[in-house]
PDB file of N, CA and C in Angstrom:
ATOM      1  N   MET A   1      55.608 -22.314 -50.804  1.00  0.00           N
ATOM      2  CA  MET A   1      54.712 -21.243 -51.122  1.00  0.00           C
ATOM      3  C   MET A   1      55.447 -20.058 -51.737  1.00  0.00           C
ATOM      4  N   GLY A   2      56.716 -20.250 -52.056  1.00  0.00           N
ATOM      5  CA  GLY A   2      57.490 -19.164 -52.641  1.00  0.00           C
ATOM      6  C   GLY A   2      57.177 -18.985 -54.116  1.00  0.00           C
ATOM      7  N   LEU A   3      57.656 -17.898 -54.652  1.00  0.00           N
ATOM      8  CA  LEU A   3      57.467 -17.626 -56.073  1.00  0.00           C
ATOM      9  C   LEU A   3      58.570 -18.309 -56.870  1.00  0.00           C
ATOM     10  N   GLY A   4      58.180 -18.983 -57.924  1.00  0.00           N
ATOM     11  CA  GLY A   4      59.142 -19.606 -58.801  1.00  0.00           C
ATOM     12  C   GLY A   4      59.593 -18.633 -59.878  1.00  0.00           C
ATOM     13  N   THR A   5      60.544 -19.069 -60.668  1.00  0.00           N
ATOM     14  CA  THR A   5      61.082 -18.231 -61.740  1.00  0.00           C
ATOM     15  C   THR A   5      60.000 -17.863 -62.750  1.00  0.00           C
ATOM     16  N   GLY A   6      59.161 -18.808 -63.080  1.00  0.00           N
ATOM     17  CA  GLY A   6      58.091 -18.548 -64.047  1.00  0.00           C
ATOM     18  C   GLY A   6      57.120 -17.475 -63.580  1.00  0.00           C
ATOM     19  N   GLU A   7      56.764 -17.543 -62.308  1.00  0.00           N
ATOM     20  CA  GLU A   7      55.843 -16.542 -61.764  1.00  0.00           C
ATOM     21  C   GLU A   7      56.464 -15.153 -61.756  1.00  0.00           C
ATOM     22  N   ILE A   8      57.747 -15.084 -61.391  1.00  0.00           N
ATOM     23  CA  ILE A   8      58.438 -13.789 -61.360  1.00  0.00           C
ATOM     24  C   ILE A   8      58.529 -13.196 -62.762  1.00  0.00           C
ATOM     25  N   VAL A   9      58.843 -14.011 -63.750  1.00  0.00           N
ATOM     26  CA  VAL A   9      58.925 -13.539 -65.137  1.00  0.00           C
ATOM     27  C   VAL A   9      57.560 -13.042 -65.597  1.00  0.00           C
ATOM     28  N   ALA A  10      56.501 -13.756 -65.241  1.00  0.00           N
ATOM     29  CA  ALA A  10      55.149 -13.344 -65.629  1.00  0.00           C
ATOM     30  C   ALA A  10      54.778 -12.008 -64.974  1.00  0.00           C
ATOM     31  N   ILE A  11      55.123 -11.840 -63.715  1.00  0.00           N
ATOM     32  CA  ILE A  11      54.823 -10.579 -63.014  1.00  0.00           C
ATOM     33  C   ILE A  11      55.579  -9.425 -63.653  1.00  0.00           C
ATOM     34  N   VAL A  12      56.851  -9.626 -63.955  1.00  0.00           N
ATOM     35  CA  VAL A  12      57.658  -8.575 -64.593  1.00  0.00           C
ATOM     36  C   VAL A  12      57.076  -8.220 -65.956  1.00  0.00           C
ATOM     37  N   ALA A  13      56.644  -9.219 -66.707  1.00  0.00           N
ATOM     38  CA  ALA A  13      56.060  -8.964 -68.028  1.00  0.00           C
ATOM     39  C   ALA A  13      54.774  -8.154 -67.913  1.00  0.00           C
ATOM     40  N   VAL A  14      53.940  -8.483 -66.949  1.00  0.00           N
ATOM     41  CA  VAL A  14      52.688  -7.743 -66.757  1.00  0.00           C
ATOM     42  C   VAL A  14      52.973  -6.308 -66.346  1.00  0.00           C
ATOM     43  N   VAL A  15      53.934  -6.118 -65.454  1.00  0.00           N
ATOM     44  CA  VAL A  15      54.293  -4.762 -65.015  1.00  0.00           C
ATOM     45  C   VAL A  15      54.812  -3.957 -66.203  1.00  0.00           C
ATOM     46  N   LEU A  16      55.651  -4.554 -67.033  1.00  0.00           N
ATOM     47  CA  LEU A  16      56.156  -3.858 -68.219  1.00  0.00           C
ATOM     48  C   LEU A  16      55.024  -3.478 -69.167  1.00  0.00           C
ATOM     49  N   LEU A  17      54.074  -4.368 -69.345  1.00  0.00           N
ATOM     50  CA  LEU A  17      52.946  -4.074 -70.224  1.00  0.00           C
ATOM     51  C   LEU A  17      52.059  -2.963 -69.659  1.00  0.00           C
ATOM     52  N   LEU A  18      51.843  -2.981 -68.358  1.00  0.00           N
ATOM     53  CA  LEU A  18      50.958  -1.990 -67.740  1.00  0.00           C
ATOM     54  C   LEU A  18      51.578  -0.601 -67.674  1.00  0.00           C
ATOM     55  N   PHE A  19      52.838  -0.530 -67.279  1.00  0.00           N
ATOM     56  CA  PHE A  19      53.443   0.767 -66.993  1.00  0.00           C
ATOM     57  C   PHE A  19      54.455   1.228 -68.031  1.00  0.00           C
ATOM     58  N   GLY A  20      54.984   0.326 -68.826  1.00  0.00           N
ATOM     59  CA  GLY A  20      55.995   0.702 -69.804  1.00  0.00           C
ATOM     60  C   GLY A  20      57.368   0.848 -69.159  1.00  0.00           C
ATOM     61  N   GLY A  21      58.400   0.772 -69.959  1.00  0.00           N
ATOM     62  CA  GLY A  21      59.766   0.796 -69.464  1.00  0.00           C
ATOM     63  C   GLY A  21      60.188   2.122 -68.851  1.00  0.00           C
ATOM     64  N   LYS A  22      59.637   3.220 -69.335  1.00  0.00           N
ATOM     65  CA  LYS A  22      60.052   4.534 -68.840  1.00  0.00           C
ATOM     66  C   LYS A  22      59.449   4.855 -67.483  1.00  0.00           C
ATOM     67  N   LYS A  23      58.310   4.303 -67.177  1.00  0.00           N
ATOM     68  CA  LYS A  23      57.602   4.628 -65.937  1.00  0.00           C
ATOM     69  C   LYS A  23      58.106   3.807 -64.742  1.00  0.00           C
ATOM     70  N   ILE A  24      58.709   2.658 -64.986  1.00  0.00           N
ATOM     71  CA  ILE A  24      59.115   1.766 -63.900  1.00  0.00           C
ATOM     72  C   ILE A  24      60.141   2.405 -62.961  1.00  0.00           C
ATOM     73  N   PRO A  25      61.187   3.085 -63.444  1.00  0.00           N
ATOM     74  CA  PRO A  25      62.128   3.712 -62.493  1.00  0.00           C
ATOM     75  C   PRO A  25      61.448   4.728 -61.567  1.00  0.00           C
ATOM     76  N   GLU A  26      60.486   5.461 -62.082  1.00  0.00           N
ATOM     77  CA  GLU A  26      59.746   6.409 -61.238  1.00  0.00           C
ATOM     78  C   GLU A  26      58.945   5.678 -60.170  1.00  0.00           C
ATOM     79  N   LEU A  27      58.324   4.564 -60.551  1.00  0.00           N
ATOM     80  CA  LEU A  27      57.553   3.787 -59.590  1.00  0.00           C
ATOM     81  C   LEU A  27      58.454   3.201 -58.505  1.00  0.00           C
ATOM     82  N   MET A  28      59.612   2.692 -58.894  1.00  0.00           N
ATOM     83  CA  MET A  28      60.541   2.115 -57.923  1.00  0.00           C
ATOM     84  C   MET A  28      61.101   3.185 -56.989  1.00  0.00           C
ATOM     85  N   LYS A  29      61.340   4.374 -57.517  1.00  0.00           N
ATOM     86  CA  LYS A  29      61.822   5.481 -56.693  1.00  0.00           C
ATOM     87  C   LYS A  29      60.775   5.843 -55.646  1.00  0.00           C
ATOM     88  N   GLY A  30      59.531   5.930 -56.057  1.00  0.00           N
ATOM     89  CA  GLY A  30      58.446   6.224 -55.129  1.00  0.00           C
ATOM     90  C   GLY A  30      58.279   5.128 -54.088  1.00  0.00           C
ATOM     91  N   LEU A  31      58.407   3.885 -54.515  1.00  0.00           N
ATOM     92  CA  LEU A  31      58.304   2.760 -53.589  1.00  0.00           C
ATOM     93  C   LEU A  31      59.436   2.810 -52.566  1.00  0.00           C
ATOM     94  N   GLY A  32      60.648   3.117 -53.041  1.00  0.00           N
ATOM     95  CA  GLY A  32      61.796   3.223 -52.138  1.00  0.00           C
ATOM     96  C   GLY A  32      61.619   4.330 -51.118  1.00  0.00           C
ATOM     97  N   LYS A  33      61.094   5.475 -51.547  1.00  0.00           N
ATOM     98  CA  LYS A  33      60.839   6.585 -50.619  1.00  0.00           C
ATOM     99  C   LYS A  33      59.803   6.178 -49.578  1.00  0.00           C
ATOM    100  N   GLY A  34      58.782   5.484 -50.020  1.00  0.00           N
ATOM    101  CA  GLY A  34      57.741   5.036 -49.090  1.00  0.00           C
ATOM    102  C   GLY A  34      58.281   4.072 -48.047  1.00  0.00           C
ATOM    103  N   VAL A  35      59.112   3.138 -48.474  1.00  0.00           N
ATOM    104  CA  VAL A  35      59.707   2.178 -47.543  1.00  0.00           C
ATOM    105  C   VAL A  35      60.617   2.899 -46.560  1.00  0.00           C
ATOM    106  N   LYS A  36      61.404   3.871 -47.058  1.00  0.00           N
ATOM    107  CA  LYS A  36      62.312   4.623 -46.191  1.00  0.00           C
ATOM    108  C   LYS A  36      61.528   5.414 -45.146  1.00  0.00           C
ATOM    109  N   GLU A  37      60.438   6.070 -45.560  1.00  0.00           N
ATOM    110  CA  GLU A  37      59.612   6.830 -44.624  1.00  0.00           C
ATOM    111  C   GLU A  37      58.990   5.909 -43.574  1.00  0.00           C
ATOM    112  N   PHE A  38      58.570   4.725 -44.004  1.00  0.00           N
ATOM    113  CA  PHE A  38      57.985   3.769 -43.070  1.00  0.00           C
ATOM    114  C   PHE A  38      59.016   3.326 -42.032  1.00  0.00           C
ATOM    115  N   LYS A  39      60.230   3.018 -42.490  1.00  0.00           N
ATOM    116  CA  LYS A  39      61.289   2.607 -41.560  1.00  0.00           C
ATOM    117  C   LYS A  39      61.651   3.733 -40.606  1.00  0.00           C
ATOM    118  N   ASP A  40      61.744   4.968 -41.121  1.00  0.00           N
ATOM    119  CA  ASP A  40      62.059   6.110 -40.265  1.00  0.00           C
ATOM    120  C   ASP A  40      60.980   6.302 -39.203  1.00  0.00           C
ATOM    121  N   ALA A  41      59.735   6.196 -39.598  1.00  0.00           N
ATOM    122  CA  ALA A  41      58.631   6.355 -38.655  1.00  0.00           C
ATOM    123  C   ALA A  41      58.641   5.220 -37.632  1.00  0.00           C
ATOM    124  N   SER A  42      58.947   4.024 -38.076  1.00  0.00           N
ATOM    125  CA  SER A  42      59.002   2.882 -37.171  1.00  0.00           C
ATOM    126  C   SER A  42      60.135   3.058 -36.164  1.00  0.00           C
ATOM    127  N   ASN A  43      61.307   3.493 -36.629  1.00  0.00           N
ATOM    128  CA  ASN A  43      62.439   3.713 -35.735  1.00  0.00           C
ATOM    129  C   ASN A  43      62.145   4.846 -34.771  1.00  0.00           C
ATOM    130  N   SER A  44      61.491   5.883 -35.242  1.00  0.00           N
ATOM    131  CA  SER A  44      61.130   7.014 -34.388  1.00  0.00           C
ATOM    132  C   SER A  44      60.165   6.566 -33.299  1.00  0.00           C
ATOM    133  N   ASN A  45      59.216   5.728 -33.658  1.00  0.00           N
ATOM    134  CA  ASN A  45      58.245   5.219 -32.695  1.00  0.00           C
ATOM    135  C   ASN A  45      58.941   4.357 -31.651  1.00  0.00           C
ATOM    136  N   GLU A  46      59.891   3.512 -32.064  1.00  0.00           N
ATOM    137  CA  GLU A  46      60.613   2.665 -31.124  1.00  0.00           C
ATOM    138  C   GLU A  46      61.427   3.512 -30.151  1.00  0.00           C
ATOM    139  N   SER A  47      62.094   4.545 -30.644  1.00  0.00           N
ATOM    140  CA  SER A  47      62.914   5.365 -29.758  1.00  0.00           C
ATOM    141  C   SER A  47      62.040   6.155 -28.787  1.00  0.00           C
ATOM    142  N   SER A  48      60.862   6.610 -29.230  1.00  0.00           N
ATOM    143  CA  SER A  48      59.976   7.324 -28.308  1.00  0.00           C
ATOM    144  C   SER A  48      59.406   6.364 -27.274  1.00  0.00           C
ATOM    145  N   ASP A  49      59.193   5.097 -27.639  1.00  0.00           N
ATOM    146  CA  ASP A  49      58.743   4.105 -26.660  1.00  0.00           C
ATOM    147  C   ASP A  49      59.813   3.890 -25.600  1.00  0.00           C
ATOM    148  N   ASN A  50      61.075   3.834 -26.008  1.00  0.00           N
ATOM    149  CA  ASN A  50      62.170   3.658 -25.065  1.00  0.00           C
ATOM    150  C   ASN A  50      62.285   4.856 -24.137  1.00  0.00           C
ATOM    151  N   ILE A  51      62.136   6.045 -24.663  1.00  0.00           N
ATOM    152  CA  ILE A  51      62.211   7.252 -23.845  1.00  0.00           C
ATOM    153  C   ILE A  51      61.065   7.260 -22.839  1.00  0.00           C
ATOM    154  N   THR A  52      59.875   6.883 -23.283  1.00  0.00           N
ATOM    155  CA  THR A  52      58.723   6.845 -22.395  1.00  0.00           C
ATOM    156  C   THR A  52      58.952   5.834 -21.276  1.00  0.00           C
ATOM    157  N   THR A  53      59.505   4.683 -21.608  1.00  0.00           N
ATOM    158  CA  THR A  53      59.766   3.656 -20.610  1.00  0.00           C
ATOM    159  C   THR A  53      60.758   4.156 -19.577  1.00  0.00           C
ATOM    160  N   VAL A  54      61.846   4.780 -20.026  1.00  0.00           N
ATOM    161  CA  VAL A  54      62.841   5.309 -19.110  1.00  0.00           C
ATOM    162  C   VAL A  54      62.222   6.399 -18.250  1.00  0.00           C
ATOM    163  N   HIS A  55      61.440   7.276 -18.872  1.00  0.00           N
ATOM    164  CA  HIS A  55      60.788   8.366 -18.139  1.00  0.00           C
ATOM    165  C   HIS A  55      59.835   7.803 -17.090  1.00  0.00           C
ATOM    166  N   THR A  56      59.079   6.795 -17.436  1.00  0.00           N
ATOM    167  CA  THR A  56      58.141   6.182 -16.501  1.00  0.00           C
ATOM    168  C   THR A  56      58.896   5.551 -15.343  1.00  0.00           C
ATOM    169  N   ASP A  57      60.013   4.866 -15.629  1.00  0.00           N
ATOM    170  CA  ASP A  57      60.814   4.254 -14.581  1.00  0.00           C
ATOM    171  C   ASP A  57      61.359   5.315 -13.637  1.00  0.00           C
ATOM    172  N   ASP A  58      61.833   6.454 -14.171  1.00  0.00           N
ATOM    173  CA  ASP A  58      62.367   7.523 -13.341  1.00  0.00           C
ATOM    174  C   ASP A  58      61.268   8.101 -12.443  1.00  0.00           C
ATOM    175  N   LYS A  59      60.079   8.275 -12.988  1.00  0.00           N
ATOM    176  CA  LYS A  59      58.961   8.834 -12.224  1.00  0.00           C
ATOM    177  C   LYS A  59      58.576   7.893 -11.098  1.00  0.00           C
ATOM    178  N   THR A  60      58.573   6.594 -11.370  1.00  0.00           N
ATOM    179  CA  THR A  60      58.228   5.614 -10.357  1.00  0.00           C
ATOM    180  C   THR A  60      59.236   5.652  -9.213  1.00  0.00           C
ATOM    181  N   LYS A  61      60.520   5.777  -9.533  1.00  0.00           N
ATOM    182  CA  LYS A  61      61.563   5.848  -8.515  1.00  0.00           C
ATOM    183  C   LYS A  61      61.425   7.122  -7.677  1.00  0.00           C
ATOM    184  N   ALA A  62      61.042   8.227  -8.318  1.00  0.00           N
ATOM    185  CA  ALA A  62      60.909   9.497  -7.616  1.00  0.00           C
ATOM    186  C   ALA A  62      59.726   9.465  -6.647  1.00  0.00           C
ATOM    187  N   ASP A  63      58.665   8.713  -7.007  1.00  0.00           N
ATOM    188  CA  ASP A  63      57.491   8.619  -6.154  1.00  0.00           C
ATOM    189  C   ASP A  63      57.738   7.758  -4.924  1.00  0.00           C
ATOM    190  N   SER A  64      58.716   6.865  -4.997  1.00  0.00           N
ATOM    191  CA  SER A  64      58.979   5.924  -3.887  1.00  0.00           C
ATOM    192  C   SER A  64      59.558   6.587  -2.682  1.00  0.00           C
TER     193      SER A  64
END
């Protein structure tokens, strides 16, 4: 179910036709920023989950 060479070439050709050569670097830069923000938010969420878990464990021990 992977993409073959022909499909990738066709996709690149369509993107070039739609956006032009000058616009593609701007689009890739925006895409990269979006991916970076998503990863940062995901990592932030994971670390807050860990803090919450530790905090909950400490509270449970204090109640005992």
